Amino acid sequence: MAANTSPIFTLTPVIGMAAISTANTNRDGTGTIVTVLAGGTDGTRIHRITIKAIVTTTAGMIRLYIDNGTSIILWREILVTAITASGTVAAFEEEILLDGEEALILPATYELQASTNNAEAFNVIAEGGNY
């Protein structure tokens, strides 16, 4: 079996962004789910995902999915804490670092998608690079 014997690196930086706000309590890939980033022609490596509320939050969940074009599968759940955002209190924010072997590699036809459990507004930003 042939294998790539040389390390490869991403060529073009990419940032995927999505605004989510429609409540979706499902974990099965149904309901309102928004695409954050689609895999590039030769695949995409994601090394950081940032979730930032733009409103006051109540206890809930952000869900990240992987869509292979046929099925949408729950990948991660991020617990959202209740925060009353103000001029002196920052809104909810969570950063997921996917360094080294933990990086998420999306093949060309795959997508990273997101939803929110509660009807609260969040920005989801995925950073990485296309191969």
Protein backbone atom coordinates (compact mmCIF):
# COMPACT_ATOMS: atom_id res chain seq x y z
CA MET A 1 0.00 0.00 0.00
CA ALA A 2 1.46 3.34 -1.05
CA ALA A 3 1.64 6.10 1.53
CA ASN A 4 2.60 9.71 1.52
CA THR A 5 6.09 9.84 2.99
CA SER A 6 6.42 13.63 3.02
CA PRO A 7 4.59 15.94 5.43
CA ILE A 8 2.14 18.31 3.80
CA PHE A 9 1.04 21.73 4.96
CA THR A 10 -1.96 23.88 4.23
CA LEU A 11 -1.51 26.26 1.32
CA THR A 12 -4.27 28.83 1.65
CA PRO A 13 -5.63 30.18 4.94
CA VAL A 14 -9.40 29.98 5.38
CA ILE A 15 -11.91 31.35 7.84
CA GLY A 16 -15.48 30.11 7.90
CA MET A 17 -18.11 32.18 9.69
CA ALA A 18 -21.73 31.56 10.58
CA ALA A 19 -24.36 33.32 12.64
CA ILE A 20 -26.72 30.97 14.48
CA SER A 21 -29.80 31.95 16.46
CA THR A 22 -32.67 29.54 15.76
CA ALA A 23 -33.38 27.15 18.62
CA ASN A 24 -32.73 23.51 17.73
CA THR A 25 -32.87 20.93 20.53
CA ASN A 26 -32.21 18.00 18.17
CA ARG A 27 -28.99 16.01 18.28
CA ASP A 28 -29.73 13.86 15.24
CA GLY A 29 -28.76 16.29 12.46
CA THR A 30 -32.29 17.58 11.85
CA GLY A 31 -33.72 21.03 12.45
CA THR A 32 -32.00 24.34 11.73
CA ILE A 33 -28.26 23.79 11.26
CA VAL A 34 -25.97 26.34 9.60
CA THR A 35 -22.80 25.68 7.58
CA VAL A 36 -19.68 27.22 9.12
CA LEU A 37 -17.04 25.97 6.66
CA ALA A 38 -16.96 23.64 3.67
CA GLY A 39 -13.95 21.50 2.81
CA GLY A 40 -11.77 22.86 -0.01
CA THR A 41 -10.97 20.97 -3.22
CA ASP A 42 -8.05 19.09 -1.62
CA GLY A 43 -9.44 19.13 1.92
CA THR A 44 -9.33 21.62 4.77
CA ARG A 45 -7.58 21.52 8.14
CA ILE A 46 -9.36 23.35 10.99
CA HIS A 47 -7.18 24.28 13.95
CA ARG A 48 -9.43 26.64 15.93
CA ILE A 49 -13.16 27.18 16.42
CA THR A 50 -14.41 30.22 18.32
CA ILE A 51 -17.99 30.58 19.54
CA LYS A 52 -19.02 34.07 20.63
CA ALA A 53 -22.44 35.09 21.93
CA ILE A 54 -23.64 38.50 20.82
CA VAL A 55 -26.46 38.61 23.38
CA THR A 56 -27.13 37.69 26.99
CA THR A 57 -27.19 33.88 27.30
CA THR A 58 -29.06 31.33 29.35
CA ALA A 59 -27.74 27.86 30.13
CA GLY A 60 -27.77 25.85 26.93
CA MET A 61 -25.68 24.15 24.28
CA ILE A 62 -23.94 24.82 20.98
CA ARG A 63 -23.70 21.76 18.77
CA LEU A 64 -21.14 21.18 16.02
CA TYR A 65 -21.84 18.68 13.27
CA ILE A 66 -19.99 17.12 10.36
CA ASP A 67 -21.97 16.73 7.13
CA ASN A 68 -20.56 14.30 4.57
CA GLY A 69 -23.20 15.12 1.97
CA THR A 70 -25.32 12.13 2.98
CA SER A 71 -25.48 12.23 6.77
CA ILE A 72 -25.15 14.97 9.38
CA ILE A 73 -23.43 13.62 12.49
CA LEU A 74 -23.11 15.31 15.89
CA TRP A 75 -19.39 15.91 16.50
CA ARG A 76 -19.19 18.08 19.65
CA GLU A 77 -21.37 19.81 22.20
CA ILE A 78 -20.24 22.99 23.94
CA LEU A 79 -21.95 23.98 27.18
CA VAL A 80 -23.15 27.59 27.21
CA THR A 81 -23.30 29.29 30.59
CA ALA A 82 -25.78 31.95 31.63
CA ILE A 83 -24.17 35.40 31.32
CA THR A 84 -25.86 38.78 31.40
CA ALA A 85 -23.66 40.70 28.99
CA SER A 86 -23.15 44.40 29.64
CA GLY A 87 -20.63 47.20 29.35
CA THR A 88 -18.59 45.57 32.12
CA VAL A 89 -19.38 41.87 31.60
CA ALA A 90 -18.23 40.12 28.44
CA ALA A 91 -20.68 37.88 26.61
CA PHE A 92 -20.15 34.10 26.51
CA GLU A 93 -17.13 32.94 24.48
CA GLU A 94 -15.53 29.53 23.99
CA GLU A 95 -12.42 28.67 21.99
CA ILE A 96 -11.74 25.12 20.83
CA LEU A 97 -8.08 24.54 19.94
CA LEU A 98 -7.49 21.62 17.59
CA ASP A 99 -3.70 21.48 17.50
CA GLY A 100 -1.57 18.74 15.97
CA GLU A 101 -3.29 15.37 15.78
CA GLU A 102 -6.50 16.88 17.16
CA ALA A 103 -7.03 19.06 14.06
CA LEU A 104 -10.29 18.50 12.24
CA ILE A 105 -9.64 17.53 8.62
CA LEU A 106 -12.60 18.04 6.29
CA PRO A 107 -12.52 16.20 2.96
CA ALA A 108 -13.59 18.14 -0.14
CA THR A 109 -17.31 17.39 0.10
CA TYR A 110 -17.67 17.66 3.89
CA GLU A 111 -18.95 20.62 5.92
CA LEU A 112 -18.62 21.79 9.52
CA GLN A 113 -22.04 22.91 10.72
CA ALA A 114 -23.47 24.42 13.91
CA SER A 115 -26.70 24.94 15.83
CA THR A 116 -27.81 26.47 19.11
CA ASN A 117 -30.11 24.82 21.64
CA ASN A 118 -31.67 28.13 22.72
CA ALA A 119 -32.92 30.97 20.52
CA GLU A 120 -29.88 33.15 21.26
CA ALA A 121 -27.48 34.72 18.77
CA PHE A 122 -23.94 33.38 18.39
CA ASN A 123 -21.14 33.77 15.87
CA VAL A 124 -19.20 30.59 15.08
CA ILE A 125 -15.80 31.08 13.45
CA ALA A 126 -13.58 28.25 12.17
CA GLU A 127 -9.95 28.99 11.27
CA GLY A 128 -7.64 26.79 9.28
CA GLY A 129 -6.24 26.23 5.84
CA ASN A 130 -6.93 24.47 2.55
CA TYR A 131 -4.47 21.88 1.28
